[in-house]
Amino acid sequence: MAKSKNRFMTVRNTIKGFIEARGISVYRFRKDIGVAQSTAYDLVNNPDRIPNADVLNKICETYRIQPGELLAWFPDQEGDAA
């Protein structure tokens, strides 16, 4: 079976799971990393929103983690690509 040239791969943020596993509220998360309330809530509630480099760096520095703990790659299912 030939592979489709139009397959897309999706990177999503896993921030919601990260903060829930650590018992961190969204409020505490936004205060810890120093971002706007709307940015924090969007990152937590929208896994398709990938943090920009500055925000990703703030999160990693604050919690002493690697970016891979916040981002995950999910292959699209065969036939789901547009």
Protein backbone atom coordinates (compact mmCIF):
# COMPACT_ATOMS: atom_id res chain seq x y z
CA MET A 1 0.00 0.00 0.00
CA ALA A 2 1.45 3.36 -1.06
CA LYS A 3 1.81 6.16 1.48
CA SER A 4 -0.11 9.34 0.81
CA LYS A 5 1.99 12.40 0.04
CA ASN A 6 -0.61 14.56 1.82
CA ARG A 7 -0.33 13.00 5.28
CA PHE A 8 0.07 15.53 8.06
CA MET A 9 1.66 15.00 11.43
CA THR A 10 0.39 16.92 14.42
CA VAL A 11 2.36 18.34 17.32
CA ARG A 12 0.24 19.19 20.33
CA ASN A 13 1.00 20.64 23.71
CA THR A 14 0.46 18.46 26.76
CA ILE A 15 0.47 21.31 29.26
CA LYS A 16 -2.92 20.41 30.76
CA GLY A 17 -1.70 16.94 31.69
CA PHE A 18 1.60 18.38 32.93
CA ILE A 19 -0.01 20.81 35.38
CA GLU A 20 -2.69 18.34 36.47
CA ALA A 21 -0.07 15.68 37.24
CA ARG A 22 1.76 18.19 39.44
CA GLY A 23 -1.35 19.60 41.11
CA ILE A 24 -0.75 23.07 39.69
CA SER A 25 -3.77 25.30 39.03
CA VAL A 26 -3.99 27.34 35.85
CA TYR A 27 -3.78 30.45 38.03
CA ARG A 28 -0.56 29.24 39.68
CA PHE A 29 0.84 28.19 36.28
CA ARG A 30 0.30 31.64 34.78
CA LYS A 31 1.72 33.38 37.84
CA ASP A 32 4.75 31.07 37.91
CA ILE A 33 5.65 31.68 34.27
CA GLY A 34 4.50 35.31 34.05
CA VAL A 35 2.13 35.20 31.08
CA ALA A 36 -1.24 36.80 30.50
CA GLN A 37 -4.30 35.00 31.82
CA SER A 38 -5.64 34.48 28.29
CA THR A 39 -2.33 32.93 27.17
CA ALA A 40 -2.20 30.52 30.09
CA TYR A 41 -5.82 29.39 29.74
CA ASP A 42 -5.44 29.00 25.98
CA LEU A 43 -2.30 26.86 26.36
CA VAL A 44 -3.98 24.67 28.96
CA ASN A 45 -7.31 24.27 27.19
CA ASN A 46 -6.19 24.16 23.55
CA PRO A 47 -3.66 21.40 22.82
CA ASP A 48 -3.28 22.71 19.26
CA ARG A 49 -1.81 25.96 20.61
CA ILE A 50 1.96 25.55 20.65
CA PRO A 51 3.77 27.98 22.96
CA ASN A 52 6.17 30.36 21.25
CA ALA A 53 9.87 30.03 22.01
CA ASP A 54 9.84 32.66 24.78
CA VAL A 55 6.90 31.09 26.62
CA LEU A 56 8.28 27.58 26.17
CA ASN A 57 11.59 28.75 27.61
CA LYS A 58 9.83 30.38 30.61
CA ILE A 59 7.95 27.16 31.36
CA CYS A 60 11.09 25.03 31.07
CA GLU A 61 13.15 27.38 33.25
CA THR A 62 10.43 27.69 35.89
CA TYR A 63 9.76 23.98 36.26
CA ARG A 64 13.28 22.79 35.28
CA ILE A 65 12.00 20.51 32.51
CA GLN A 66 12.75 19.71 28.88
CA PRO A 67 10.44 20.94 26.08
CA GLY A 68 9.61 17.33 25.27
CA GLU A 69 7.66 17.13 28.53
CA LEU A 70 5.23 19.70 27.13
CA LEU A 71 4.97 18.72 23.47
CA ALA A 72 3.93 15.47 21.84
CA TRP A 73 3.75 14.34 18.24
CA PHE A 74 0.65 12.48 17.11
CA PRO A 75 0.51 10.96 13.65
CA ASP A 76 -2.80 11.54 11.88
CA GLN A 77 -4.85 8.47 11.22
CA GLU A 78 -4.67 7.09 7.68
CA GLY A 79 -7.24 8.89 5.57
CA ASP A 80 -7.72 11.80 7.99
CA ALA A 81 -5.42 14.16 6.10
CA ALA A 82 -7.08 16.81 3.98
